[in-house]
Amino acid sequence: MRRITIIVITILFSTLAFSQSKVTDEFIVMDVDAISDEQLDTIDVKKKLVINDYTMVGVQYGVGLSQVMWNPSQKQDMVFVPLNFGVTVTTYGKMFGYMPFFGFQAGLFYAREGYQFEYNEERDYTYKIEGAEKALIDVVEAPVLFQFHYDMWNFKILAQLGCYAGYRLSIERFPGKTGYVSEEVRHSFVDTDRRWDYGLKGGAGFALVFDPVEIHFQAMYKHSLSSLYEPDHYSQYYYRFAYPSNIIVSVGAHFHLTKRSGMTKAEIKKKAKDMVFNKQRNGNYQSNGR
């Protein structure tokens, strides 16, 4: 059984028995069993993190705080929604060929958002839509985000910004204390409701890296540019708008599909073969007296 390994040495060896060999950033083929533990302890290897252009797939789960930007404005409470689940594909690449801090992420998410009106003491009234003081909406969305990442050995800082497209799947309306919701619209959209959604999404976070797995912790903000309903649903002369917005805190597990840093085994083997080939070619060249 061959016990031969290829070790990349980037510094000069001054304390080993083979110190007479001058070694720079090249491959040395040796028998590992021939090196004692005392000799290995004297080797000062300076590690350098070199990020590859790599890809990973992940799953995320989060909770959110949801509200709506109303025009005209209405008094409201934020709604806690413990459902935001999705899968993502992230790919990293070097911008301008040498800046390894950027990447793109695409995903598919199933989430819930909503609104809840607050009692207005000045008017002694709670605003309602279709007789409901509160509503929860299930949505599916597909975000595409531009990502900045700064990597350390087992830690990463993240920032993302992009857009998304979505669809409002279902709705549930709640009458609250003073409202009344008919059974026809309690679990149904009406003709003036808008089902298609789109908007902006961005946030920041950090990751713990345990190659080949990364655990991401993120806080994201999502702002819709598609109103919940047609602006003239109440009056053709008096437009109203309602743009959902959400704050989402999530945790995700992302699995590397390709190597994160350093050379892959195939790259190491190729470089070793090239070195052996070059050495043999140079030897033949000298033996032929050229």
C-alpha atoms as a PDB file:
ATOM      1  CA  MET A   1       0.000   0.000   0.000  1.00  0.00           C
ATOM      2  CA  ARG A   2       1.451   3.248  -1.031  1.00  0.00           C
ATOM      3  CA  ARG A   3       1.731   5.816   1.692  1.00  0.00           C
ATOM      4  CA  ILE A   4       2.714   8.694  -0.474  1.00  0.00           C
ATOM      5  CA  THR A   5       1.184  12.109  -0.091  1.00  0.00           C
ATOM      6  CA  ILE A   6       1.685  15.469  -1.710  1.00  0.00           C
ATOM      7  CA  ILE A   7       2.318  18.323   0.724  1.00  0.00           C
ATOM      8  CA  VAL A   8       2.311  21.939  -0.308  1.00  0.00           C
ATOM      9  CA  ILE A   9       5.127  23.837   1.439  1.00  0.00           C
ATOM     10  CA  THR A  10       5.085  27.647   1.281  1.00  0.00           C
ATOM     11  CA  ILE A  11       7.964  28.522   3.593  1.00  0.00           C
ATOM     12  CA  LEU A  12      11.577  27.579   3.975  1.00  0.00           C
ATOM     13  CA  PHE A  13      12.491  24.623   6.138  1.00  0.00           C
ATOM     14  CA  SER A  14      15.468  25.515   8.314  1.00  0.00           C
ATOM     15  CA  THR A  15      15.097  23.025  11.121  1.00  0.00           C
ATOM     16  CA  LEU A  16      14.461  19.771   9.279  1.00  0.00           C
ATOM     17  CA  ALA A  17      17.000  17.252   8.121  1.00  0.00           C
ATOM     18  CA  PHE A  18      16.221  18.113   4.528  1.00  0.00           C
ATOM     19  CA  SER A  19      16.680  21.860   5.118  1.00  0.00           C
ATOM     20  CA  GLN A  20      19.385  22.016   2.449  1.00  0.00           C
ATOM     21  CA  SER A  21      16.617  21.906  -0.128  1.00  0.00           C
ATOM     22  CA  LYS A  22      15.339  25.364  -0.911  1.00  0.00           C
ATOM     23  CA  VAL A  23      11.553  25.207  -0.986  1.00  0.00           C
ATOM     24  CA  THR A  24       9.180  27.883  -2.166  1.00  0.00           C
ATOM     25  CA  ASP A  25       5.523  27.526  -3.183  1.00  0.00           C
ATOM     26  CA  GLU A  26       5.900  24.104  -4.835  1.00  0.00           C
ATOM     27  CA  PHE A  27       5.005  20.434  -4.352  1.00  0.00           C
ATOM     28  CA  ILE A  28       7.281  17.995  -2.490  1.00  0.00           C
ATOM     29  CA  VAL A  29       6.645  14.255  -2.600  1.00  0.00           C
ATOM     30  CA  MET A  30       7.722  12.457   0.574  1.00  0.00           C
ATOM     31  CA  ASP A  31       6.874   9.594   2.880  1.00  0.00           C
ATOM     32  CA  VAL A  32       4.924  10.983   5.827  1.00  0.00           C
ATOM     33  CA  ASP A  33       6.103   8.139   8.109  1.00  0.00           C
ATOM     34  CA  ALA A  34       9.669   9.359   7.685  1.00  0.00           C
ATOM     35  CA  ILE A  35       8.888  12.634   9.499  1.00  0.00           C
ATOM     36  CA  SER A  36       8.868  12.497  13.282  1.00  0.00           C
ATOM     37  CA  ASP A  37       6.358  14.309  15.479  1.00  0.00           C
ATOM     38  CA  GLU A  38       9.163  16.535  16.774  1.00  0.00           C
ATOM     39  CA  GLN A  39       9.969  17.618  13.247  1.00  0.00           C
ATOM     40  CA  LEU A  40       6.341  18.321  12.427  1.00  0.00           C
ATOM     41  CA  ASP A  41       6.039  20.505  15.521  1.00  0.00           C
ATOM     42  CA  THR A  42       8.816  22.741  14.215  1.00  0.00           C
ATOM     43  CA  ILE A  43       7.000  23.516  10.959  1.00  0.00           C
ATOM     44  CA  ASP A  44       5.337  26.917  11.039  1.00  0.00           C
ATOM     45  CA  VAL A  45       2.657  26.792   8.360  1.00  0.00           C
ATOM     46  CA  LYS A  46       0.920  30.096   7.716  1.00  0.00           C
ATOM     47  CA  LYS A  47      -2.594  29.436   6.562  1.00  0.00           C
ATOM     48  CA  LYS A  48      -4.165  31.666   3.969  1.00  0.00           C
ATOM     49  CA  LEU A  49      -7.856  31.572   3.186  1.00  0.00           C
ATOM     50  CA  VAL A  50      -8.422  31.647  -0.553  1.00  0.00           C
ATOM     51  CA  ILE A  51     -12.108  31.555  -1.467  1.00  0.00           C
ATOM     52  CA  ASN A  52     -13.101  29.618  -4.558  1.00  0.00           C
ATOM     53  CA  ASP A  53     -16.003  30.362  -6.855  1.00  0.00           C
ATOM     54  CA  TYR A  54     -18.314  27.903  -5.127  1.00  0.00           C
ATOM     55  CA  THR A  55     -22.002  27.011  -4.977  1.00  0.00           C
ATOM     56  CA  MET A  56     -24.263  25.888  -2.148  1.00  0.00           C
ATOM     57  CA  VAL A  57     -27.898  24.902  -1.620  1.00  0.00           C
ATOM     58  CA  GLY A  58     -29.735  25.790   1.561  1.00  0.00           C
ATOM     59  CA  VAL A  59     -32.953  25.625   3.559  1.00  0.00           C
ATOM     60  CA  GLN A  60     -34.174  28.540   5.691  1.00  0.00           C
ATOM     61  CA  TYR A  61     -36.843  29.010   8.316  1.00  0.00           C
ATOM     62  CA  GLY A  62     -37.841  32.305   9.850  1.00  0.00           C
ATOM     63  CA  VAL A  63     -40.429  34.315  11.720  1.00  0.00           C
ATOM     64  CA  GLY A  64     -41.683  37.727  10.788  1.00  0.00           C
ATOM     65  CA  LEU A  65     -43.339  40.931  11.874  1.00  0.00           C
ATOM     66  CA  SER A  66     -45.824  42.111   9.286  1.00  0.00           C
ATOM     67  CA  GLN A  67     -47.700  45.340   8.648  1.00  0.00           C
ATOM     68  CA  VAL A  68     -49.033  47.374   5.727  1.00  0.00           C
ATOM     69  CA  MET A  69     -48.199  50.874   4.575  1.00  0.00           C
ATOM     70  CA  TRP A  70     -51.641  52.436   4.137  1.00  0.00           C
ATOM     71  CA  ASN A  71     -52.468  55.484   2.066  1.00  0.00           C
ATOM     72  CA  PRO A  72     -54.383  57.192   3.571  1.00  0.00           C
ATOM     73  CA  SER A  73     -52.664  56.114   6.787  1.00  0.00           C
ATOM     74  CA  GLN A  74     -54.466  53.951   9.354  1.00  0.00           C
ATOM     75  CA  LYS A  75     -53.685  53.024  12.944  1.00  0.00           C
ATOM     76  CA  GLN A  76     -52.413  49.462  13.089  1.00  0.00           C
ATOM     77  CA  ASP A  77     -50.507  46.869  15.089  1.00  0.00           C
ATOM     78  CA  MET A  78     -47.704  44.679  13.783  1.00  0.00           C
ATOM     79  CA  VAL A  79     -48.668  41.048  13.248  1.00  0.00           C
ATOM     80  CA  PHE A  80     -46.358  38.257  14.375  1.00  0.00           C
ATOM     81  CA  VAL A  81     -46.243  35.495  11.743  1.00  0.00           C
ATOM     82  CA  PRO A  82     -44.165  32.393  12.627  1.00  0.00           C
ATOM     83  CA  LEU A  83     -44.025  31.026   9.095  1.00  0.00           C
ATOM     84  CA  ASN A  84     -41.374  31.782   6.502  1.00  0.00           C
ATOM     85  CA  PHE A  85     -39.803  28.726   4.876  1.00  0.00           C
ATOM     86  CA  GLY A  86     -37.738  28.400   1.725  1.00  0.00           C
ATOM     87  CA  VAL A  87     -34.944  26.816  -0.260  1.00  0.00           C
ATOM     88  CA  THR A  88     -32.096  28.754  -1.871  1.00  0.00           C
ATOM     89  CA  VAL A  89     -29.241  28.297  -4.305  1.00  0.00           C
ATOM     90  CA  THR A  90     -26.234  30.574  -3.800  1.00  0.00           C
ATOM     91  CA  THR A  91     -23.295  30.907  -6.151  1.00  0.00           C
ATOM     92  CA  TYR A  92     -20.178  32.965  -5.490  1.00  0.00           C
ATOM     93  CA  GLY A  93     -17.852  34.469  -8.055  1.00  0.00           C
ATOM     94  CA  LYS A  94     -14.999  36.952  -8.315  1.00  0.00           C
ATOM     95  CA  MET A  95     -15.943  40.403  -9.515  1.00  0.00           C
ATOM     96  CA  PHE A  96     -13.501  41.733 -12.110  1.00  0.00           C
ATOM     97  CA  GLY A  97     -11.694  38.410 -11.814  1.00  0.00           C
ATOM     98  CA  TYR A  98     -10.062  38.980  -8.428  1.00  0.00           C
ATOM     99  CA  MET A  99     -12.536  40.349  -5.826  1.00  0.00           C
ATOM    100  CA  PRO A 100     -14.007  37.243  -4.112  1.00  0.00           C
ATOM    101  CA  PHE A 101     -16.707  39.041  -2.129  1.00  0.00           C
ATOM    102  CA  PHE A 102     -19.783  38.795  -4.327  1.00  0.00           C
ATOM    103  CA  GLY A 103     -22.443  36.348  -5.326  1.00  0.00           C
ATOM    104  CA  PHE A 104     -26.063  35.772  -6.311  1.00  0.00           C
ATOM    105  CA  GLN A 105     -28.826  33.937  -4.497  1.00  0.00           C
ATOM    106  CA  ALA A 106     -32.125  32.677  -5.899  1.00  0.00           C
ATOM    107  CA  GLY A 107     -34.819  31.004  -3.855  1.00  0.00           C
ATOM    108  CA  LEU A 108     -38.398  29.876  -3.479  1.00  0.00           C
ATOM    109  CA  PHE A 109     -40.293  30.706  -0.263  1.00  0.00           C
ATOM    110  CA  TYR A 110     -43.643  29.958   1.308  1.00  0.00           C
ATOM    111  CA  ALA A 111     -44.587  32.613   3.854  1.00  0.00           C
ATOM    112  CA  ARG A 112     -47.408  34.332   5.704  1.00  0.00           C
ATOM    113  CA  GLU A 113     -48.032  38.042   6.149  1.00  0.00           C
ATOM    114  CA  GLY A 114     -50.919  40.198   7.232  1.00  0.00           C
ATOM    115  CA  TYR A 115     -52.328  43.271   8.882  1.00  0.00           C
ATOM    116  CA  GLN A 116     -54.302  44.228  11.976  1.00  0.00           C
ATOM    117  CA  PHE A 117     -56.009  47.561  12.559  1.00  0.00           C
ATOM    118  CA  GLU A 118     -55.796  49.322  15.909  1.00  0.00           C
ATOM    119  CA  TYR A 119     -58.672  51.010  17.677  1.00  0.00           C
ATOM    120  CA  ASN A 120     -58.662  54.744  16.961  1.00  0.00           C
ATOM    121  CA  GLU A 121     -59.644  56.512  20.169  1.00  0.00           C
ATOM    122  CA  GLU A 122     -59.972  59.908  18.521  1.00  0.00           C
ATOM    123  CA  ARG A 123     -62.552  58.643  16.056  1.00  0.00           C
ATOM    124  CA  ASP A 124     -63.924  55.876  18.296  1.00  0.00           C
ATOM    125  CA  TYR A 125     -63.573  53.564  15.346  1.00  0.00           C
ATOM    126  CA  THR A 126     -61.522  50.646  14.031  1.00  0.00           C
ATOM    127  CA  TYR A 127     -60.840  50.626  10.290  1.00  0.00           C
ATOM    128  CA  LYS A 128     -61.988  47.517   8.411  1.00  0.00           C
ATOM    129  CA  ILE A 129     -61.628  45.900   5.001  1.00  0.00           C
ATOM    130  CA  GLU A 130     -64.491  43.644   3.907  1.00  0.00           C
ATOM    131  CA  GLY A 131     -65.674  43.885   7.507  1.00  0.00           C
ATOM    132  CA  ALA A 132     -62.390  42.506   8.908  1.00  0.00           C
ATOM    133  CA  GLU A 133     -60.115  44.150  11.443  1.00  0.00           C
ATOM    134  CA  LYS A 134     -57.366  41.601  10.768  1.00  0.00           C
ATOM    135  CA  ALA A 135     -56.267  39.382   7.870  1.00  0.00           C
ATOM    136  CA  LEU A 136     -53.565  36.778   7.258  1.00  0.00           C
ATOM    137  CA  ILE A 137     -52.343  36.049   3.732  1.00  0.00           C
ATOM    138  CA  ASP A 138     -50.335  33.040   2.553  1.00  0.00           C
ATOM    139  CA  VAL A 139     -47.883  33.871  -0.204  1.00  0.00           C
ATOM    140  CA  VAL A 140     -45.270  32.186  -2.364  1.00  0.00           C
ATOM    141  CA  GLU A 141     -42.326  34.245  -3.581  1.00  0.00           C
ATOM    142  CA  ALA A 142     -39.138  33.866  -5.619  1.00  0.00           C
ATOM    143  CA  PRO A 143     -36.375  36.326  -4.659  1.00  0.00           C
ATOM    144  CA  VAL A 144     -33.193  37.017  -6.628  1.00  0.00           C
ATOM    145  CA  LEU A 145     -30.581  38.762  -4.482  1.00  0.00           C
ATOM    146  CA  PHE A 146     -27.136  40.235  -5.003  1.00  0.00           C
ATOM    147  CA  GLN A 147     -24.944  39.218  -2.061  1.00  0.00           C
ATOM    148  CA  PHE A 148     -21.810  40.657  -0.487  1.00  0.00           C
ATOM    149  CA  HIS A 149     -19.853  38.304   1.767  1.00  0.00           C
ATOM    150  CA  TYR A 150     -16.650  38.695   3.753  1.00  0.00           C
ATOM    151  CA  ASP A 151     -15.129  35.364   4.803  1.00  0.00           C
ATOM    152  CA  MET A 152     -12.906  34.331   7.673  1.00  0.00           C
ATOM    153  CA  TRP A 153     -11.969  30.782   8.624  1.00  0.00           C
ATOM    154  CA  ASN A 154     -15.177  29.806  10.414  1.00  0.00           C
ATOM    155  CA  PHE A 155     -17.145  33.036  10.213  1.00  0.00           C
ATOM    156  CA  LYS A 156     -18.758  35.076   7.475  1.00  0.00           C
ATOM    157  CA  ILE A 157     -20.475  38.474   7.260  1.00  0.00           C
ATOM    158  CA  LEU A 158     -23.355  38.808   4.794  1.00  0.00           C
ATOM    159  CA  ALA A 159     -25.343  41.607   3.163  1.00  0.00           C
ATOM    160  CA  GLN A 160     -27.988  41.124   0.461  1.00  0.00           C
ATOM    161  CA  LEU A 161     -30.192  43.256  -1.763  1.00  0.00           C
ATOM    162  CA  GLY A 162     -32.490  42.411  -4.627  1.00  0.00           C
ATOM    163  CA  CYS A 163     -36.053  41.935  -5.775  1.00  0.00           C
ATOM    164  CA  TYR A 164     -38.746  39.289  -5.672  1.00  0.00           C
ATOM    165  CA  ALA A 165     -41.882  38.189  -7.485  1.00  0.00           C
ATOM    166  CA  GLY A 166     -44.725  36.441  -5.710  1.00  0.00           C
ATOM    167  CA  TYR A 167     -48.325  35.323  -5.656  1.00  0.00           C
ATOM    168  CA  ARG A 168     -50.929  35.641  -2.881  1.00  0.00           C
ATOM    169  CA  LEU A 169     -52.311  32.151  -2.443  1.00  0.00           C
ATOM    170  CA  SER A 170     -55.027  32.483   0.198  1.00  0.00           C
ATOM    171  CA  ILE A 171     -56.472  34.850   2.771  1.00  0.00           C
ATOM    172  CA  GLU A 172     -58.268  34.553   6.102  1.00  0.00           C
ATOM    173  CA  ARG A 173     -60.189  37.555   7.473  1.00  0.00           C
ATOM    174  CA  PHE A 174     -61.031  38.087  11.146  1.00  0.00           C
ATOM    175  CA  PRO A 175     -63.889  40.352  12.295  1.00  0.00           C
ATOM    176  CA  GLY A 176     -62.249  41.368  15.581  1.00  0.00           C
ATOM    177  CA  LYS A 177     -64.339  43.084  18.258  1.00  0.00           C
ATOM    178  CA  THR A 178     -66.458  45.339  16.073  1.00  0.00           C
ATOM    179  CA  GLY A 179     -66.370  43.850  12.570  1.00  0.00           C
ATOM    180  CA  TYR A 180     -68.432  41.363  10.651  1.00  0.00           C
ATOM    181  CA  VAL A 181     -67.085  39.098   7.894  1.00  0.00           C
ATOM    182  CA  SER A 182     -69.452  37.137   5.666  1.00  0.00           C
ATOM    183  CA  GLU A 183     -68.648  33.511   4.952  1.00  0.00           C
ATOM    184  CA  GLU A 184     -68.274  34.281   1.237  1.00  0.00           C
ATOM    185  CA  VAL A 185     -65.162  36.401   1.796  1.00  0.00           C
ATOM    186  CA  ARG A 186     -63.823  34.971   5.056  1.00  0.00           C
ATOM    187  CA  HIS A 187     -61.460  32.612   3.188  1.00  0.00           C
ATOM    188  CA  SER A 188     -61.666  34.124  -0.291  1.00  0.00           C
ATOM    189  CA  PHE A 189     -60.278  37.022  -2.263  1.00  0.00           C
ATOM    190  CA  VAL A 190     -62.669  39.449  -3.929  1.00  0.00           C
ATOM    191  CA  ASP A 191     -62.487  40.737  -7.479  1.00  0.00           C
ATOM    192  CA  THR A 192     -60.748  43.955  -6.482  1.00  0.00           C
ATOM    193  CA  ASP A 193     -57.952  42.179  -4.586  1.00  0.00           C
ATOM    194  CA  ARG A 194     -54.572  41.863  -6.292  1.00  0.00           C
ATOM    195  CA  ARG A 195     -53.037  38.405  -6.245  1.00  0.00           C
ATOM    196  CA  TRP A 196     -49.696  39.005  -7.991  1.00  0.00           C
ATOM    197  CA  ASP A 197     -46.966  40.549  -5.872  1.00  0.00           C
ATOM    198  CA  TYR A 198     -43.512  42.019  -6.476  1.00  0.00           C
ATOM    199  CA  GLY A 199     -41.112  44.249  -4.603  1.00  0.00           C
ATOM    200  CA  LEU A 200     -37.727  44.723  -2.943  1.00  0.00           C
ATOM    201  CA  LYS A 201     -35.925  42.568  -0.428  1.00  0.00           C
ATOM    202  CA  GLY A 202     -32.667  43.031   1.470  1.00  0.00           C
ATOM    203  CA  GLY A 203     -30.899  42.477   4.744  1.00  0.00           C
ATOM    204  CA  ALA A 204     -27.764  41.451   6.582  1.00  0.00           C
ATOM    205  CA  GLY A 205     -26.449  38.732   8.845  1.00  0.00           C
ATOM    206  CA  PHE A 206     -23.608  36.397   9.630  1.00  0.00           C
ATOM    207  CA  ALA A 207     -22.725  32.744   9.174  1.00  0.00           C
ATOM    208  CA  LEU A 208     -20.850  30.059  11.068  1.00  0.00           C
ATOM    209  CA  VAL A 209     -18.864  27.878   8.679  1.00  0.00           C
ATOM    210  CA  PHE A 210     -18.267  24.185   9.352  1.00  0.00           C
ATOM    211  CA  ASP A 211     -17.099  23.018   5.946  1.00  0.00           C
ATOM    212  CA  PRO A 212     -19.069  21.686   4.069  1.00  0.00           C
ATOM    213  CA  VAL A 213     -22.001  23.260   5.988  1.00  0.00           C
ATOM    214  CA  GLU A 214     -22.761  26.894   6.806  1.00  0.00           C
ATOM    215  CA  ILE A 215     -25.323  28.085   9.368  1.00  0.00           C
ATOM    216  CA  HIS A 216     -26.724  31.484   8.378  1.00  0.00           C
ATOM    217  CA  PHE A 217     -28.457  33.949  10.707  1.00  0.00           C
ATOM    218  CA  GLN A 218     -30.151  36.819   8.896  1.00  0.00           C
ATOM    219  CA  ALA A 219     -32.513  39.751   9.353  1.00  0.00           C
ATOM    220  CA  MET A 220     -34.345  40.705   6.165  1.00  0.00           C
ATOM    221  CA  TYR A 221     -36.752  43.456   5.153  1.00  0.00           C
ATOM    222  CA  LYS A 222     -39.305  42.909   2.397  1.00  0.00           C
ATOM    223  CA  HIS A 223     -41.352  45.732   0.890  1.00  0.00           C
ATOM    224  CA  SER A 224     -44.096  45.091  -1.633  1.00  0.00           C
ATOM    225  CA  LEU A 225     -44.672  47.405  -4.589  1.00  0.00           C
ATOM    226  CA  SER A 226     -48.013  45.786  -5.394  1.00  0.00           C
ATOM    227  CA  SER A 227     -51.026  47.072  -3.443  1.00  0.00           C
ATOM    228  CA  LEU A 228     -53.318  44.534  -1.770  1.00  0.00           C
ATOM    229  CA  TYR A 229     -56.236  45.801  -3.827  1.00  0.00           C
ATOM    230  CA  GLU A 230     -57.141  47.966  -6.789  1.00  0.00           C
ATOM    231  CA  PRO A 231     -56.667  51.610  -5.761  1.00  0.00           C
ATOM    232  CA  ASP A 232     -60.165  52.574  -6.972  1.00  0.00           C
ATOM    233  CA  HIS A 233     -61.934  49.700  -5.194  1.00  0.00           C
ATOM    234  CA  TYR A 234     -63.625  52.123  -2.768  1.00  0.00           C
ATOM    235  CA  SER A 235     -64.163  55.066  -5.085  1.00  0.00           C
ATOM    236  CA  GLN A 236     -63.173  55.922  -8.639  1.00  0.00           C
ATOM    237  CA  TYR A 237     -62.365  59.445  -7.426  1.00  0.00           C
ATOM    238  CA  TYR A 238     -60.637  58.611  -4.137  1.00  0.00           C
ATOM    239  CA  TYR A 239     -57.749  56.158  -4.500  1.00  0.00           C
ATOM    240  CA  ARG A 240     -56.450  54.011  -1.649  1.00  0.00           C
ATOM    241  CA  PHE A 241     -53.265  51.929  -1.494  1.00  0.00           C
ATOM    242  CA  ALA A 242     -51.933  49.200   0.790  1.00  0.00           C
ATOM    243  CA  TYR A 243     -48.332  47.970   0.461  1.00  0.00           C
ATOM    244  CA  PRO A 244     -47.309  45.055   2.734  1.00  0.00           C
ATOM    245  CA  SER A 245     -43.929  45.169   4.454  1.00  0.00           C
ATOM    246  CA  ASN A 246     -42.238  42.506   6.550  1.00  0.00           C
ATOM    247  CA  ILE A 247     -39.268  42.120   8.866  1.00  0.00           C
ATOM    248  CA  ILE A 248     -38.019  38.522   8.816  1.00  0.00           C
ATOM    249  CA  VAL A 249     -35.483  36.901  11.125  1.00  0.00           C
ATOM    250  CA  SER A 250     -34.304  33.513   9.887  1.00  0.00           C
ATOM    251  CA  VAL A 251     -31.789  30.733  10.352  1.00  0.00           C
ATOM    252  CA  GLY A 252     -30.655  28.435   7.568  1.00  0.00           C
ATOM    253  CA  ALA A 253     -28.398  25.497   6.809  1.00  0.00           C
ATOM    254  CA  HIS A 254     -26.459  25.769   3.540  1.00  0.00           C
ATOM    255  CA  PHE A 255     -24.539  22.845   2.061  1.00  0.00           C
ATOM    256  CA  HIS A 256     -21.516  23.266  -0.217  1.00  0.00           C
ATOM    257  CA  LEU A 257     -21.873  21.676  -3.631  1.00  0.00           C
ATOM    258  CA  THR A 258     -18.316  22.604  -4.584  1.00  0.00           C
ATOM    259  CA  LYS A 259     -15.167  23.244  -2.558  1.00  0.00           C
ATOM    260  CA  ARG A 260     -15.170  26.512  -0.598  1.00  0.00           C
ATOM    261  CA  SER A 261     -11.447  27.231  -0.351  1.00  0.00           C
ATOM    262  CA  GLY A 262      -8.114  25.899  -1.531  1.00  0.00           C
ATOM    263  CA  MET A 263      -7.547  23.479  -4.374  1.00  0.00           C
ATOM    264  CA  THR A 264      -9.730  20.461  -4.951  1.00  0.00           C
ATOM    265  CA  LYS A 265      -8.206  16.967  -5.041  1.00  0.00           C
ATOM    266  CA  ALA A 266      -8.454  16.964  -8.816  1.00  0.00           C
ATOM    267  CA  GLU A 267      -6.590  20.281  -9.007  1.00  0.00           C
ATOM    268  CA  ILE A 268      -3.863  19.011  -6.656  1.00  0.00           C
ATOM    269  CA  LYS A 269      -3.397  15.845  -8.718  1.00  0.00           C
ATOM    270  CA  LYS A 270      -3.246  17.841 -11.929  1.00  0.00           C
ATOM    271  CA  LYS A 271      -0.635  20.210 -10.540  1.00  0.00           C
ATOM    272  CA  ALA A 272       1.436  17.283  -9.247  1.00  0.00           C
ATOM    273  CA  LYS A 273       1.308  15.553 -12.632  1.00  0.00           C
ATOM    274  CA  ASP A 274       2.331  18.760 -14.372  1.00  0.00           C
ATOM    275  CA  MET A 275       5.316  19.146 -12.041  1.00  0.00           C
ATOM    276  CA  VAL A 276       6.435  15.563 -12.557  1.00  0.00           C
ATOM    277  CA  PHE A 277       6.009  15.903 -16.307  1.00  0.00           C
ATOM    278  CA  ASN A 278       7.959  19.170 -16.379  1.00  0.00           C
ATOM    279  CA  LYS A 279      10.723  17.659 -14.247  1.00  0.00           C
ATOM    280  CA  GLN A 280      11.034  14.641 -16.536  1.00  0.00           C
ATOM    281  CA  ARG A 281      10.968  16.810 -19.627  1.00  0.00           C
ATOM    282  CA  ASN A 282      13.694  19.073 -18.237  1.00  0.00           C
ATOM    283  CA  GLY A 283      15.779  16.007 -17.338  1.00  0.00           C
ATOM    284  CA  ASN A 284      15.459  14.569 -20.812  1.00  0.00           C
ATOM    285  CA  TYR A 285      16.299  17.940 -22.275  1.00  0.00           C
ATOM    286  CA  GLN A 286      19.547  18.129 -20.271  1.00  0.00           C
ATOM    287  CA  SER A 287      20.518  14.493 -20.960  1.00  0.00           C
ATOM    288  CA  ASN A 288      20.275  15.104 -24.676  1.00  0.00           C
ATOM    289  CA  GLY A 289      22.824  17.871 -24.289  1.00  0.00           C
ATOM    290  CA  ARG A 290      20.565  20.613 -25.460  1.00  0.00           C
END
